[in-house]
Amino acid sequence: MVKILTIHVCIFYFADMESPQFYLNDDSTPRTSADVQEGNVLRLSCFVEGNPTPRVQLSKRHHKRDVVLSDSTTHWSNYSFEREVMCSDSGVYVCASWIEGFGSKRTQINLNILCE
């Protein structure tokens, strides 16, 4: 006679996620604010280390709302301005990250475009 056993296993997983970090162009220094001359090209990048891999969203604050510019399911979310930056690009940019069921983190950068 064959006896079938059912075994229930509980697995506890501890997620780990660091605070998001902003980077400009190819600079490897994390930033919380930046002055950029009008007419320059700019790429904003946000990196979040986490396990499991967090979802990362880059947005611009506009009238108390965040307008999503980039959304990624990797550690990086990048946004390249399609043209040279203008004075109207000044403002607060937000990087939000989250791991489903484990919480979220946010950080922001104050981007000041130096107008001519």
C-alpha atoms as a PDB file:
ATOM      1  CA  MET A   1       0.000   0.000   0.000  1.00  0.00           C
ATOM      2  CA  VAL A   2       1.306   3.479  -0.984  1.00  0.00           C
ATOM      3  CA  LYS A   3       0.711   6.289   1.446  1.00  0.00           C
ATOM      4  CA  ILE A   4       0.674   9.893   0.182  1.00  0.00           C
ATOM      5  CA  LEU A   5       1.813  12.618   2.562  1.00  0.00           C
ATOM      6  CA  THR A   6       1.145  16.309   2.171  1.00  0.00           C
ATOM      7  CA  ILE A   7       3.768  18.661   3.529  1.00  0.00           C
ATOM      8  CA  HIS A   8       3.131  22.389   3.977  1.00  0.00           C
ATOM      9  CA  VAL A   9       6.187  24.639   3.948  1.00  0.00           C
ATOM     10  CA  CYS A  10       6.193  28.282   5.008  1.00  0.00           C
ATOM     11  CA  ILE A  11       8.938  30.389   3.454  1.00  0.00           C
ATOM     12  CA  PHE A  12       9.750  33.758   4.943  1.00  0.00           C
ATOM     13  CA  TYR A  13      11.435  36.216   2.612  1.00  0.00           C
ATOM     14  CA  PHE A  14      12.946  39.450   3.821  1.00  0.00           C
ATOM     15  CA  ALA A  15      12.966  42.068   1.095  1.00  0.00           C
ATOM     16  CA  ASP A  16      15.673  44.697   1.141  1.00  0.00           C
ATOM     17  CA  MET A  17      15.537  48.007  -0.696  1.00  0.00           C
ATOM     18  CA  GLU A  18      17.817  51.016  -0.398  1.00  0.00           C
ATOM     19  CA  SER A  19      16.734  54.620  -0.948  1.00  0.00           C
ATOM     20  CA  PRO A  20      16.634  55.751  -4.600  1.00  0.00           C
ATOM     21  CA  GLN A  21      19.618  57.734  -5.907  1.00  0.00           C
ATOM     22  CA  PHE A  22      19.564  60.339  -8.718  1.00  0.00           C
ATOM     23  CA  TYR A  23      22.360  60.709 -11.273  1.00  0.00           C
ATOM     24  CA  LEU A  24      22.891  63.238 -14.091  1.00  0.00           C
ATOM     25  CA  ASN A  25      24.316  62.271 -17.475  1.00  0.00           C
ATOM     26  CA  ASP A  26      27.393  60.073 -16.888  1.00  0.00           C
ATOM     27  CA  ASP A  27      28.292  61.473 -13.453  1.00  0.00           C
ATOM     28  CA  SER A  28      28.693  58.712 -10.853  1.00  0.00           C
ATOM     29  CA  THR A  29      27.944  61.008  -7.886  1.00  0.00           C
ATOM     30  CA  PRO A  30      24.403  60.752  -6.443  1.00  0.00           C
ATOM     31  CA  ARG A  31      22.613  64.125  -6.447  1.00  0.00           C
ATOM     32  CA  THR A  32      19.774  65.780  -4.518  1.00  0.00           C
ATOM     33  CA  SER A  33      19.952  69.055  -6.460  1.00  0.00           C
ATOM     34  CA  ALA A  34      21.553  70.284  -9.640  1.00  0.00           C
ATOM     35  CA  ASP A  35      22.081  73.447 -11.653  1.00  0.00           C
ATOM     36  CA  VAL A  36      22.149  72.874 -15.413  1.00  0.00           C
ATOM     37  CA  GLN A  37      22.748  75.549 -18.022  1.00  0.00           C
ATOM     38  CA  GLU A  38      19.856  76.131 -20.423  1.00  0.00           C
ATOM     39  CA  GLY A  39      20.617  74.608 -23.839  1.00  0.00           C
ATOM     40  CA  ASN A  40      22.552  71.607 -22.508  1.00  0.00           C
ATOM     41  CA  VAL A  41      21.483  68.015 -23.037  1.00  0.00           C
ATOM     42  CA  LEU A  42      20.435  66.113 -19.932  1.00  0.00           C
ATOM     43  CA  ARG A  43      19.690  62.557 -18.909  1.00  0.00           C
ATOM     44  CA  LEU A  44      18.223  61.922 -15.460  1.00  0.00           C
ATOM     45  CA  SER A  45      18.770  58.485 -14.010  1.00  0.00           C
ATOM     46  CA  CYS A  46      17.471  56.919 -10.847  1.00  0.00           C
ATOM     47  CA  PHE A  47      18.988  53.768  -9.364  1.00  0.00           C
ATOM     48  CA  VAL A  48      17.542  51.609  -6.606  1.00  0.00           C
ATOM     49  CA  GLU A  49      19.285  48.577  -5.160  1.00  0.00           C
ATOM     50  CA  GLY A  50      16.845  45.970  -3.942  1.00  0.00           C
ATOM     51  CA  ASN A  51      16.103  42.291  -3.607  1.00  0.00           C
ATOM     52  CA  PRO A  52      13.843  41.282  -5.187  1.00  0.00           C
ATOM     53  CA  THR A  53      14.318  43.808  -7.977  1.00  0.00           C
ATOM     54  CA  PRO A  54      12.132  46.862  -7.282  1.00  0.00           C
ATOM     55  CA  ARG A  55       9.914  48.697  -9.701  1.00  0.00           C
ATOM     56  CA  VAL A  56      11.341  52.187 -10.317  1.00  0.00           C
ATOM     57  CA  GLN A  57       9.407  55.195 -11.553  1.00  0.00           C
ATOM     58  CA  LEU A  58      10.804  58.609 -12.487  1.00  0.00           C
ATOM     59  CA  SER A  59       8.415  61.569 -12.590  1.00  0.00           C
ATOM     60  CA  LYS A  60       8.205  65.362 -12.505  1.00  0.00           C
ATOM     61  CA  ARG A  61       6.147  67.146  -9.869  1.00  0.00           C
ATOM     62  CA  HIS A  62       3.545  69.313 -11.582  1.00  0.00           C
ATOM     63  CA  HIS A  63       0.833  71.152  -9.620  1.00  0.00           C
ATOM     64  CA  LYS A  64       1.157  68.797  -6.610  1.00  0.00           C
ATOM     65  CA  ARG A  65       0.919  65.712  -8.844  1.00  0.00           C
ATOM     66  CA  ASP A  66       3.649  63.485 -10.205  1.00  0.00           C
ATOM     67  CA  VAL A  67       3.712  63.162 -14.011  1.00  0.00           C
ATOM     68  CA  VAL A  68       5.407  59.854 -14.903  1.00  0.00           C
ATOM     69  CA  LEU A  69       8.325  60.176 -17.318  1.00  0.00           C
ATOM     70  CA  SER A  70       9.801  56.686 -17.051  1.00  0.00           C
ATOM     71  CA  ASP A  71       8.721  53.395 -15.493  1.00  0.00           C
ATOM     72  CA  SER A  72      10.952  50.353 -15.160  1.00  0.00           C
ATOM     73  CA  THR A  73      11.015  46.897 -13.602  1.00  0.00           C
ATOM     74  CA  THR A  74      14.810  46.923 -13.408  1.00  0.00           C
ATOM     75  CA  HIS A  75      17.046  48.719 -10.926  1.00  0.00           C
ATOM     76  CA  TRP A  76      17.314  51.771 -13.238  1.00  0.00           C
ATOM     77  CA  SER A  77      14.783  54.294 -14.544  1.00  0.00           C
ATOM     78  CA  ASN A  78      16.142  56.796 -17.057  1.00  0.00           C
ATOM     79  CA  TYR A  79      14.741  59.880 -18.749  1.00  0.00           C
ATOM     80  CA  SER A  80      16.527  61.700 -21.551  1.00  0.00           C
ATOM     81  CA  PHE A  81      15.175  65.077 -22.544  1.00  0.00           C
ATOM     82  CA  GLU A  82      14.357  64.906 -26.274  1.00  0.00           C
ATOM     83  CA  ARG A  83      15.865  68.334 -26.811  1.00  0.00           C
ATOM     84  CA  GLU A  84      18.176  70.751 -25.034  1.00  0.00           C
ATOM     85  CA  VAL A  85      16.832  71.682 -21.597  1.00  0.00           C
ATOM     86  CA  MET A  86      14.823  74.881 -21.215  1.00  0.00           C
ATOM     87  CA  CYS A  87      13.917  77.041 -18.230  1.00  0.00           C
ATOM     88  CA  SER A  88      10.504  75.340 -18.066  1.00  0.00           C
ATOM     89  CA  ASP A  89      12.275  72.035 -17.236  1.00  0.00           C
ATOM     90  CA  SER A  90      13.214  73.423 -13.810  1.00  0.00           C
ATOM     91  CA  GLY A  91      11.414  71.776 -10.927  1.00  0.00           C
ATOM     92  CA  VAL A  92      11.234  68.820  -8.602  1.00  0.00           C
ATOM     93  CA  TYR A  93      11.768  65.358 -10.053  1.00  0.00           C
ATOM     94  CA  VAL A  94      10.785  62.307  -8.008  1.00  0.00           C
ATOM     95  CA  CYS A  95      12.069  58.757  -8.007  1.00  0.00           C
ATOM     96  CA  ALA A  96       9.710  56.248  -6.426  1.00  0.00           C
ATOM     97  CA  SER A  97      10.516  52.585  -5.936  1.00  0.00           C
ATOM     98  CA  TRP A  98       8.564  49.709  -4.513  1.00  0.00           C
ATOM     99  CA  ILE A  99       8.586  45.984  -4.076  1.00  0.00           C
ATOM    100  CA  GLU A 100       5.069  44.582  -4.183  1.00  0.00           C
ATOM    101  CA  GLY A 101       3.997  43.630  -0.690  1.00  0.00           C
ATOM    102  CA  PHE A 102       7.141  45.010   0.951  1.00  0.00           C
ATOM    103  CA  GLY A 103       6.776  48.799   0.826  1.00  0.00           C
ATOM    104  CA  SER A 104       8.107  51.768  -1.080  1.00  0.00           C
ATOM    105  CA  LYS A 105      10.703  54.550  -0.941  1.00  0.00           C
ATOM    106  CA  ARG A 106      10.916  57.964  -2.591  1.00  0.00           C
ATOM    107  CA  THR A 107      13.536  60.612  -3.104  1.00  0.00           C
ATOM    108  CA  GLN A 108      13.624  63.814  -5.095  1.00  0.00           C
ATOM    109  CA  ILE A 109      16.018  66.089  -6.911  1.00  0.00           C
ATOM    110  CA  ASN A 110      15.599  69.833  -7.322  1.00  0.00           C
ATOM    111  CA  LEU A 111      16.591  70.638 -10.881  1.00  0.00           C
ATOM    112  CA  ASN A 112      17.373  74.293 -11.573  1.00  0.00           C
ATOM    113  CA  ILE A 113      17.851  75.271 -15.201  1.00  0.00           C
ATOM    114  CA  LEU A 114      20.038  78.373 -15.400  1.00  0.00           C
ATOM    115  CA  CYS A 115      18.296  80.583 -17.944  1.00  0.00           C
ATOM    116  CA  GLU A 116      20.195  82.860 -20.281  1.00  0.00           C
END
